[in-house]
C-alpha atoms as a PDB file:
ATOM      1  CA  MET A   1     118.086  85.796 -53.299  1.00  0.00           C
ATOM      2  CA  GLU A   2     116.009  85.405 -50.157  1.00  0.00           C
ATOM      3  CA  HIS A   3     115.049  81.875 -49.124  1.00  0.00           C
ATOM      4  CA  ALA A   4     111.254  81.666 -48.901  1.00  0.00           C
ATOM      5  CA  LEU A   5     111.384  78.266 -47.254  1.00  0.00           C
ATOM      6  CA  THR A   6     114.116  76.531 -45.291  1.00  0.00           C
ATOM      7  CA  ILE A   7     113.979  72.864 -44.244  1.00  0.00           C
ATOM      8  CA  GLN A   8     116.856  71.468 -42.196  1.00  0.00           C
ATOM      9  CA  SER A   9     117.345  68.021 -40.652  1.00  0.00           C
ATOM     10  CA  LEU A  10     113.623  67.270 -40.849  1.00  0.00           C
ATOM     11  CA  ASN A  11     112.558  63.951 -39.317  1.00  0.00           C
ATOM     12  CA  LYS A  12     109.019  62.626 -39.006  1.00  0.00           C
ATOM     13  CA  ILE A  13     107.975  59.413 -37.229  1.00  0.00           C
ATOM     14  CA  PHE A  14     104.484  57.899 -37.161  1.00  0.00           C
ATOM     15  CA  SER A  15     103.877  55.777 -34.069  1.00  0.00           C
ATOM     16  CA  THR A  16     101.379  52.943 -33.937  1.00  0.00           C
ATOM     17  CA  GLN A  17     100.565  50.471 -31.190  1.00  0.00           C
ATOM     18  CA  THR A  18     103.007  47.945 -32.624  1.00  0.00           C
ATOM     19  CA  GLU A  19     105.762  49.931 -34.325  1.00  0.00           C
ATOM     20  CA  GLU A  20     107.279  53.243 -35.313  1.00  0.00           C
ATOM     21  CA  VAL A  21     107.422  54.181 -39.004  1.00  0.00           C
ATOM     22  CA  ILE A  22     110.033  56.689 -40.133  1.00  0.00           C
ATOM     23  CA  ALA A  23     108.148  58.755 -42.725  1.00  0.00           C
ATOM     24  CA  LEU A  24     110.879  61.361 -43.298  1.00  0.00           C
ATOM     25  CA  LYS A  25     114.555  61.240 -42.386  1.00  0.00           C
ATOM     26  CA  ASP A  26     117.087  64.090 -42.568  1.00  0.00           C
ATOM     27  CA  VAL A  27     115.257  66.108 -45.214  1.00  0.00           C
ATOM     28  CA  ASN A  28     117.088  69.290 -46.226  1.00  0.00           C
ATOM     29  CA  LEU A  29     115.813  71.749 -48.813  1.00  0.00           C
ATOM     30  CA  GLN A  30     115.926  75.473 -49.499  1.00  0.00           C
ATOM     31  CA  ILE A  31     113.397  77.098 -51.821  1.00  0.00           C
ATOM     32  CA  GLU A  32     113.777  80.622 -53.162  1.00  0.00           C
ATOM     33  CA  GLN A  33     111.082  83.263 -53.199  1.00  0.00           C
ATOM     34  CA  GLY A  34     108.989  82.912 -56.373  1.00  0.00           C
ATOM     35  CA  GLU A  35     110.414  79.496 -57.283  1.00  0.00           C
ATOM     36  CA  PHE A  36     108.323  76.673 -58.771  1.00  0.00           C
ATOM     37  CA  ILE A  37     109.378  73.315 -57.285  1.00  0.00           C
ATOM     38  CA  THR A  38     107.949  69.923 -58.247  1.00  0.00           C
ATOM     39  CA  VAL A  39     108.294  66.858 -56.007  1.00  0.00           C
ATOM     40  CA  ILE A  40     108.098  63.277 -57.286  1.00  0.00           C
ATOM     41  CA  GLY A  41     108.855  59.872 -55.840  1.00  0.00           C
ATOM     42  CA  PRO A  42     107.447  56.353 -55.339  1.00  0.00           C
ATOM     43  CA  SER A  43     104.318  55.845 -53.257  1.00  0.00           C
ATOM     44  CA  GLY A  44     105.064  56.015 -49.556  1.00  0.00           C
ATOM     45  CA  CYS A  45     108.107  58.260 -49.873  1.00  0.00           C
ATOM     46  CA  GLY A  46     106.562  61.024 -47.753  1.00  0.00           C
ATOM     47  CA  LYS A  47     105.715  63.616 -50.419  1.00  0.00           C
ATOM     48  CA  SER A  48     102.314  64.470 -48.974  1.00  0.00           C
ATOM     49  CA  THR A  49     103.647  64.312 -45.409  1.00  0.00           C
ATOM     50  CA  LEU A  50     106.313  66.863 -46.326  1.00  0.00           C
ATOM     51  CA  LEU A  51     103.681  69.143 -47.844  1.00  0.00           C
ATOM     52  CA  LYS A  52     101.464  68.920 -44.747  1.00  0.00           C
ATOM     53  CA  ILE A  53     104.394  69.838 -42.505  1.00  0.00           C
ATOM     54  CA  ILE A  54     105.177  72.887 -44.660  1.00  0.00           C
ATOM     55  CA  ALA A  55     101.481  73.829 -44.512  1.00  0.00           C
ATOM     56  CA  GLY A  56     101.545  73.627 -40.714  1.00  0.00           C
ATOM     57  CA  LEU A  57      98.958  70.826 -40.724  1.00  0.00           C
ATOM     58  CA  ASP A  58     101.422  68.505 -38.972  1.00  0.00           C
ATOM     59  CA  THR A  59     103.653  69.958 -36.275  1.00  0.00           C
ATOM     60  CA  THR A  60     104.906  66.780 -34.583  1.00  0.00           C
ATOM     61  CA  TYR A  61     108.345  66.497 -36.159  1.00  0.00           C
ATOM     62  CA  GLU A  62     112.001  67.067 -35.409  1.00  0.00           C
ATOM     63  CA  GLY A  63     114.097  69.630 -37.265  1.00  0.00           C
ATOM     64  CA  ILE A  64     113.679  73.119 -38.684  1.00  0.00           C
ATOM     65  CA  VAL A  65     110.943  74.270 -41.061  1.00  0.00           C
ATOM     66  CA  GLU A  66     110.883  78.028 -41.597  1.00  0.00           C
ATOM     67  CA  LEU A  67     109.013  80.429 -43.862  1.00  0.00           C
ATOM     68  CA  ASP A  68     110.807  83.757 -44.270  1.00  0.00           C
ATOM     69  CA  ARG A  69     113.010  82.796 -41.291  1.00  0.00           C
ATOM     70  CA  HIS A  70     110.013  82.248 -39.018  1.00  0.00           C
ATOM     71  CA  PRO A  71     109.282  78.734 -37.686  1.00  0.00           C
ATOM     72  CA  ILE A  72     106.099  77.180 -39.055  1.00  0.00           C
ATOM     73  CA  LYS A  73     103.971  76.397 -36.013  1.00  0.00           C
ATOM     74  CA  GLY A  74     100.596  75.765 -37.649  1.00  0.00           C
ATOM     75  CA  PRO A  75      98.286  76.722 -40.534  1.00  0.00           C
ATOM     76  CA  SER A  76      98.255  80.383 -41.580  1.00  0.00           C
ATOM     77  CA  LEU A  77      97.087  82.650 -44.383  1.00  0.00           C
ATOM     78  CA  GLU A  78     100.683  82.761 -45.642  1.00  0.00           C
ATOM     79  CA  LYS A  79     100.320  79.194 -46.929  1.00  0.00           C
ATOM     80  CA  GLY A  80      97.687  78.147 -49.447  1.00  0.00           C
ATOM     81  CA  PHE A  81      96.910  74.437 -49.878  1.00  0.00           C
ATOM     82  CA  ILE A  82      95.337  72.745 -52.920  1.00  0.00           C
ATOM     83  CA  PHE A  83      94.171  69.147 -52.481  1.00  0.00           C
ATOM     84  CA  GLN A  84      93.560  66.552 -55.193  1.00  0.00           C
ATOM     85  CA  GLU A  85      89.806  67.130 -54.823  1.00  0.00           C
ATOM     86  CA  PRO A  86      88.479  70.706 -55.182  1.00  0.00           C
ATOM     87  CA  ARG A  87      86.617  70.590 -51.820  1.00  0.00           C
ATOM     88  CA  LEU A  88      84.192  73.368 -52.747  1.00  0.00           C
ATOM     89  CA  PHE A  89      81.035  74.218 -50.813  1.00  0.00           C
ATOM     90  CA  PRO A  90      78.230  72.824 -53.025  1.00  0.00           C
ATOM     91  CA  TRP A  91      75.693  75.402 -51.799  1.00  0.00           C
ATOM     92  CA  LEU A  92      77.882  78.386 -52.784  1.00  0.00           C
ATOM     93  CA  THR A  93      78.459  79.876 -56.223  1.00  0.00           C
ATOM     94  CA  VAL A  94      81.902  80.155 -57.810  1.00  0.00           C
ATOM     95  CA  GLU A  95      82.425  83.717 -56.644  1.00  0.00           C
ATOM     96  CA  LYS A  96      81.213  82.971 -53.115  1.00  0.00           C
ATOM     97  CA  ASN A  97      83.423  79.867 -52.889  1.00  0.00           C
ATOM     98  CA  ILE A  98      86.395  82.056 -53.805  1.00  0.00           C
ATOM     99  CA  ALA A  99      85.421  84.805 -51.337  1.00  0.00           C
ATOM    100  CA  GLY A 100      84.971  82.312 -48.507  1.00  0.00           C
ATOM    101  CA  ASP A 101      84.173  84.092 -45.266  1.00  0.00           C
ATOM    102  CA  GLN A 102      84.676  87.523 -46.813  1.00  0.00           C
ATOM    103  CA  SER A 103      81.730  89.550 -48.081  1.00  0.00           C
ATOM    104  CA  LEU A 104      81.422  90.290 -51.787  1.00  0.00           C
ATOM    105  CA  LYS A 105      79.712  93.551 -50.753  1.00  0.00           C
ATOM    106  CA  ASN A 106      83.124  94.778 -49.668  1.00  0.00           C
ATOM    107  CA  PRO A 107      84.491  96.636 -52.732  1.00  0.00           C
ATOM    108  CA  SER A 108      88.068  95.460 -52.197  1.00  0.00           C
ATOM    109  CA  VAL A 109      86.955  91.814 -51.885  1.00  0.00           C
ATOM    110  CA  ARG A 110      84.700  92.151 -54.936  1.00  0.00           C
ATOM    111  CA  LYS A 111      87.598  93.584 -56.948  1.00  0.00           C
ATOM    112  CA  LYS A 112      90.002  90.839 -55.835  1.00  0.00           C
ATOM    113  CA  VAL A 113      87.511  88.034 -56.577  1.00  0.00           C
ATOM    114  CA  ASP A 114      86.823  89.479 -60.033  1.00  0.00           C
ATOM    115  CA  GLU A 115      90.563  89.651 -60.735  1.00  0.00           C
ATOM    116  CA  LEU A 116      91.042  86.033 -59.637  1.00  0.00           C
ATOM    117  CA  ILE A 117      88.110  84.821 -61.753  1.00  0.00           C
ATOM    118  CA  GLN A 118      89.780  86.452 -64.731  1.00  0.00           C
ATOM    119  CA  LEU A 119      93.172  85.023 -63.758  1.00  0.00           C
ATOM    120  CA  VAL A 120      91.866  81.426 -63.648  1.00  0.00           C
ATOM    121  CA  LYS A 121      89.767  82.002 -66.782  1.00  0.00           C
ATOM    122  CA  LEU A 122      86.296  81.477 -65.322  1.00  0.00           C
ATOM    123  CA  GLU A 123      84.593  84.588 -66.664  1.00  0.00           C
ATOM    124  CA  GLY A 124      80.899  83.895 -67.172  1.00  0.00           C
ATOM    125  CA  PHE A 125      80.753  81.265 -64.429  1.00  0.00           C
ATOM    126  CA  GLU A 126      80.688  83.610 -61.444  1.00  0.00           C
ATOM    127  CA  THR A 127      77.212  82.511 -60.334  1.00  0.00           C
ATOM    128  CA  ALA A 128      77.533  78.834 -61.295  1.00  0.00           C
ATOM    129  CA  TYR A 129      77.429  76.138 -58.604  1.00  0.00           C
ATOM    130  CA  PRO A 130      80.067  73.371 -58.235  1.00  0.00           C
ATOM    131  CA  LYS A 131      77.722  70.714 -59.688  1.00  0.00           C
ATOM    132  CA  GLN A 132      77.622  72.762 -62.901  1.00  0.00           C
ATOM    133  CA  LEU A 133      81.413  72.776 -63.294  1.00  0.00           C
ATOM    134  CA  SER A 134      83.820  70.319 -64.861  1.00  0.00           C
ATOM    135  CA  GLY A 135      86.626  68.860 -62.730  1.00  0.00           C
ATOM    136  CA  GLY A 136      89.171  71.274 -64.163  1.00  0.00           C
ATOM    137  CA  MET A 137      86.923  74.283 -63.607  1.00  0.00           C
ATOM    138  CA  ALA A 138      86.257  73.254 -60.011  1.00  0.00           C
ATOM    139  CA  GLN A 139      89.982  72.953 -59.385  1.00  0.00           C
ATOM    140  CA  ARG A 140      90.501  76.429 -60.833  1.00  0.00           C
ATOM    141  CA  VAL A 141      88.018  77.732 -58.260  1.00  0.00           C
ATOM    142  CA  SER A 142      90.115  76.049 -55.541  1.00  0.00           C
ATOM    143  CA  ILE A 143      93.275  77.724 -56.827  1.00  0.00           C
ATOM    144  CA  ALA A 144      91.563  81.124 -56.944  1.00  0.00           C
ATOM    145  CA  ARG A 145      90.268  80.641 -53.388  1.00  0.00           C
ATOM    146  CA  ALA A 146      93.773  79.799 -52.164  1.00  0.00           C
ATOM    147  CA  LEU A 147      95.199  82.916 -53.853  1.00  0.00           C
ATOM    148  CA  LEU A 148      92.607  85.303 -52.403  1.00  0.00           C
ATOM    149  CA  ARG A 149      94.718  86.210 -49.372  1.00  0.00           C
ATOM    150  CA  ASN A 150      97.989  86.435 -51.334  1.00  0.00           C
ATOM    151  CA  PRO A 151      99.816  83.474 -49.749  1.00  0.00           C
ATOM    152  CA  LYS A 152     103.594  83.491 -49.779  1.00  0.00           C
ATOM    153  CA  VAL A 153     103.631  79.795 -50.668  1.00  0.00           C
ATOM    154  CA  LEU A 154     101.089  77.743 -52.617  1.00  0.00           C
ATOM    155  CA  LEU A 155     101.224  74.007 -51.829  1.00  0.00           C
ATOM    156  CA  LEU A 156      99.636  71.638 -54.348  1.00  0.00           C
ATOM    157  CA  ASP A 157      99.149  67.953 -53.508  1.00  0.00           C
ATOM    158  CA  GLU A 158      98.550  66.153 -56.827  1.00  0.00           C
ATOM    159  CA  PRO A 159      95.843  68.683 -57.769  1.00  0.00           C
ATOM    160  CA  PHE A 160      95.383  67.380 -61.317  1.00  0.00           C
ATOM    161  CA  GLY A 161      95.616  63.646 -60.574  1.00  0.00           C
ATOM    162  CA  ALA A 162      91.891  62.977 -61.068  1.00  0.00           C
ATOM    163  CA  LEU A 163      91.610  64.885 -64.360  1.00  0.00           C
ATOM    164  CA  ASP A 164      91.656  63.462 -67.883  1.00  0.00           C
ATOM    165  CA  ALA A 165      94.798  63.992 -69.970  1.00  0.00           C
ATOM    166  CA  PHE A 166      93.449  66.908 -72.025  1.00  0.00           C
ATOM    167  CA  THR A 167      92.091  68.790 -68.997  1.00  0.00           C
ATOM    168  CA  ARG A 168      95.255  68.071 -67.038  1.00  0.00           C
ATOM    169  CA  SER A 169      97.419  69.565 -69.787  1.00  0.00           C
ATOM    170  CA  HIS A 170      95.197  72.645 -69.910  1.00  0.00           C
ATOM    171  CA  MET A 171      95.336  73.054 -66.122  1.00  0.00           C
ATOM    172  CA  GLN A 172      99.121  72.902 -66.202  1.00  0.00           C
ATOM    173  CA  GLU A 173      99.122  75.805 -68.653  1.00  0.00           C
ATOM    174  CA  VAL A 174      96.664  77.736 -66.455  1.00  0.00           C
ATOM    175  CA  LEU A 175      98.836  77.172 -63.374  1.00  0.00           C
ATOM    176  CA  LEU A 176     101.987  78.328 -65.169  1.00  0.00           C
ATOM    177  CA  ASP A 177     100.139  81.419 -66.342  1.00  0.00           C
ATOM    178  CA  ILE A 178      99.130  82.167 -62.736  1.00  0.00           C
ATOM    179  CA  TRP A 179     102.686  81.605 -61.506  1.00  0.00           C
ATOM    180  CA  THR A 180     104.150  83.812 -64.246  1.00  0.00           C
ATOM    181  CA  LYS A 181     101.813  86.682 -63.346  1.00  0.00           C
ATOM    182  CA  ASN A 182     101.883  86.351 -59.533  1.00  0.00           C
ATOM    183  CA  LYS A 183     105.323  84.841 -58.893  1.00  0.00           C
ATOM    184  CA  THR A 184     103.914  82.995 -55.892  1.00  0.00           C
ATOM    185  CA  THR A 185     106.311  80.368 -54.554  1.00  0.00           C
ATOM    186  CA  MET A 186     104.828  76.993 -55.562  1.00  0.00           C
ATOM    187  CA  ILE A 187     105.554  73.461 -54.334  1.00  0.00           C
ATOM    188  CA  PHE A 188     103.776  70.886 -56.461  1.00  0.00           C
ATOM    189  CA  VAL A 189     103.604  67.171 -55.560  1.00  0.00           C
ATOM    190  CA  THR A 190     102.940  64.764 -58.426  1.00  0.00           C
ATOM    191  CA  HIS A 191     103.337  61.144 -59.529  1.00  0.00           C
ATOM    192  CA  ASP A 192     103.613  62.245 -63.164  1.00  0.00           C
ATOM    193  CA  LEU A 193     107.176  62.612 -64.464  1.00  0.00           C
ATOM    194  CA  ASP A 194     106.177  64.672 -67.520  1.00  0.00           C
ATOM    195  CA  GLU A 195     104.183  67.008 -65.291  1.00  0.00           C
ATOM    196  CA  ALA A 196     107.134  67.450 -62.938  1.00  0.00           C
ATOM    197  CA  VAL A 197     109.497  68.357 -65.796  1.00  0.00           C
ATOM    198  CA  PHE A 198     106.946  70.539 -67.583  1.00  0.00           C
ATOM    199  CA  LEU A 199     106.152  72.677 -64.531  1.00  0.00           C
ATOM    200  CA  GLY A 200     109.187  72.765 -62.283  1.00  0.00           C
ATOM    201  CA  GLN A 201     112.259  74.950 -62.223  1.00  0.00           C
ATOM    202  CA  ARG A 202     113.710  72.193 -60.063  1.00  0.00           C
ATOM    203  CA  VAL A 203     112.530  68.619 -59.595  1.00  0.00           C
ATOM    204  CA  VAL A 204     112.939  67.101 -56.133  1.00  0.00           C
ATOM    205  CA  ILE A 205     113.156  63.289 -56.272  1.00  0.00           C
ATOM    206  CA  MET A 206     112.313  61.469 -53.055  1.00  0.00           C
ATOM    207  CA  ASN A 207     113.173  57.964 -51.936  1.00  0.00           C
ATOM    208  CA  PRO A 208     111.112  55.888 -49.448  1.00  0.00           C
ATOM    209  CA  ARG A 209     111.925  53.641 -46.470  1.00  0.00           C
ATOM    210  CA  PRO A 210     112.589  56.079 -44.915  1.00  0.00           C
ATOM    211  CA  GLY A 211     111.514  59.095 -46.974  1.00  0.00           C
ATOM    212  CA  HIS A 212     114.349  61.418 -47.909  1.00  0.00           C
ATOM    213  CA  ILE A 213     115.492  63.584 -50.805  1.00  0.00           C
ATOM    214  CA  LYS A 214     117.565  61.551 -53.217  1.00  0.00           C
ATOM    215  CA  ALA A 215     118.259  64.250 -55.797  1.00  0.00           C
ATOM    216  CA  VAL A 216     117.361  67.815 -56.743  1.00  0.00           C
ATOM    217  CA  LEU A 217     117.633  68.404 -60.489  1.00  0.00           C
ATOM    218  CA  PRO A 218     117.463  71.864 -62.103  1.00  0.00           C
ATOM    219  CA  ILE A 219     115.232  71.947 -65.195  1.00  0.00           C
ATOM    220  CA  GLU A 220     117.225  74.148 -67.531  1.00  0.00           C
ATOM    221  CA  LEU A 221     114.409  74.880 -69.965  1.00  0.00           C
ATOM    222  CA  THR A 222     112.854  78.240 -70.707  1.00  0.00           C
ATOM    223  CA  PHE A 223     109.120  78.894 -70.498  1.00  0.00           C
ATOM    224  CA  PRO A 224     106.870  78.226 -72.326  1.00  0.00           C
ATOM    225  CA  ARG A 225     107.926  74.591 -72.714  1.00  0.00           C
ATOM    226  CA  LYS A 226     106.943  72.130 -75.429  1.00  0.00           C
ATOM    227  CA  ARG A 227     106.821  68.437 -74.598  1.00  0.00           C
ATOM    228  CA  SER A 228     107.597  67.541 -78.202  1.00  0.00           C
ATOM    229  CA  SER A 229     110.847  69.535 -78.273  1.00  0.00           C
ATOM    230  CA  LEU A 230     114.184  67.742 -78.281  1.00  0.00           C
ATOM    231  CA  SER A 231     115.410  69.714 -75.257  1.00  0.00           C
ATOM    232  CA  PHE A 232     112.336  68.682 -73.246  1.00  0.00           C
ATOM    233  CA  GLN A 233     112.789  65.005 -74.148  1.00  0.00           C
ATOM    234  CA  GLU A 234     116.463  65.126 -73.204  1.00  0.00           C
ATOM    235  CA  MET A 235     115.640  66.692 -69.835  1.00  0.00           C
ATOM    236  CA  ARG A 236     112.884  64.145 -69.300  1.00  0.00           C
ATOM    237  CA  ARG A 237     115.347  61.286 -69.918  1.00  0.00           C
ATOM    238  CA  LYS A 238     117.776  62.811 -67.450  1.00  0.00           C
ATOM    239  CA  VAL A 239     115.132  62.997 -64.721  1.00  0.00           C
ATOM    240  CA  LEU A 240     113.785  59.544 -65.642  1.00  0.00           C
ATOM    241  CA  ASN A 241     117.237  57.981 -65.301  1.00  0.00           C
ATOM    242  CA  GLU A 242     117.583  59.426 -61.802  1.00  0.00           C
ATOM    243  CA  PHE A 243     114.033  58.416 -60.894  1.00  0.00           C
ATOM    244  CA  GLU A 244     114.595  54.832 -62.063  1.00  0.00           C
ATOM    245  CA  ARG A 245     117.691  54.599 -59.872  1.00  0.00           C
ATOM    246  CA  VAL A 246     115.527  55.669 -56.931  1.00  0.00           C
ATOM    247  CA  GLU A 247     112.911  53.027 -57.790  1.00  0.00           C
ATOM    248  CA  ASP A 248     115.581  50.326 -58.143  1.00  0.00           C
ATOM    249  CA  GLU A 249     117.038  51.204 -54.750  1.00  0.00           C
ATOM    250  CA  SER A 250     113.546  51.235 -53.220  1.00  0.00           C
ATOM    251  CA  TYR A 251     112.840  47.764 -54.554  1.00  0.00           C
ATOM    252  CA  THR A 252     116.165  46.484 -53.256  1.00  0.00           C
ATOM    253  CA  VAL A 253     115.483  47.865 -49.768  1.00  0.00           C
ATOM    254  CA  GLY A 254     111.913  46.604 -49.788  1.00  0.00           C
ATOM    255  CA  ALA A 255     113.003  43.144 -50.836  1.00  0.00           C
ATOM    256  CA  GLY A 256     115.585  43.032 -48.104  1.00  0.00           C
ATOM    257  CA  ILE A 257     118.437  42.402 -50.549  1.00  0.00           C
END
């Protein structure tokens, strides 16, 4: 299978007036076309930094980051990015937020926007404004907007972190439904272990000081998944055991032991 994304020997250093901080060190990862990857790790391990580099929002690094064998040199329509906050234009309706700078009078744009509204289950809210939407609905608009130009990779930086538990669970189902239908390559950063196991085909566990990949665990569960199932709980324990080892090592390094 073709590698959608290749990361080799990636290093990222933040320089301040007093010191240099190694944010990422020797990160190596290959992601297949159409794969759903989740990334977890302690705060400060470089998860969001890694996502920004893949998005082309940060280009000051050492190493190789390629999409379809082409170096990532900056932002492009091939990469969609979903932030924790929806970041919608408050003066635009749902359909106009999704269309962005494209005219809804264009039949092909109109058709695509209508399809995306149906995909993210927002029928009936086409002409609603962001202030009239719940947090989950607003985030669905963001996802639809990112999918408008058919990105090869969709990058999601804790997109459901600000939502309540019920809405978050519903949004996870919506996202999986979108992924199942579109097969867009997805890289999803989260602090939530259950979310990582529920969504990902593989879970990437990162370690801080400096940030690097500690483990990549395949989630050998079929979709749809049930959190209450024995197989899910067993897989969750497996990932949790690895994650706790990462946290223990992080504490040891941080304490200087």
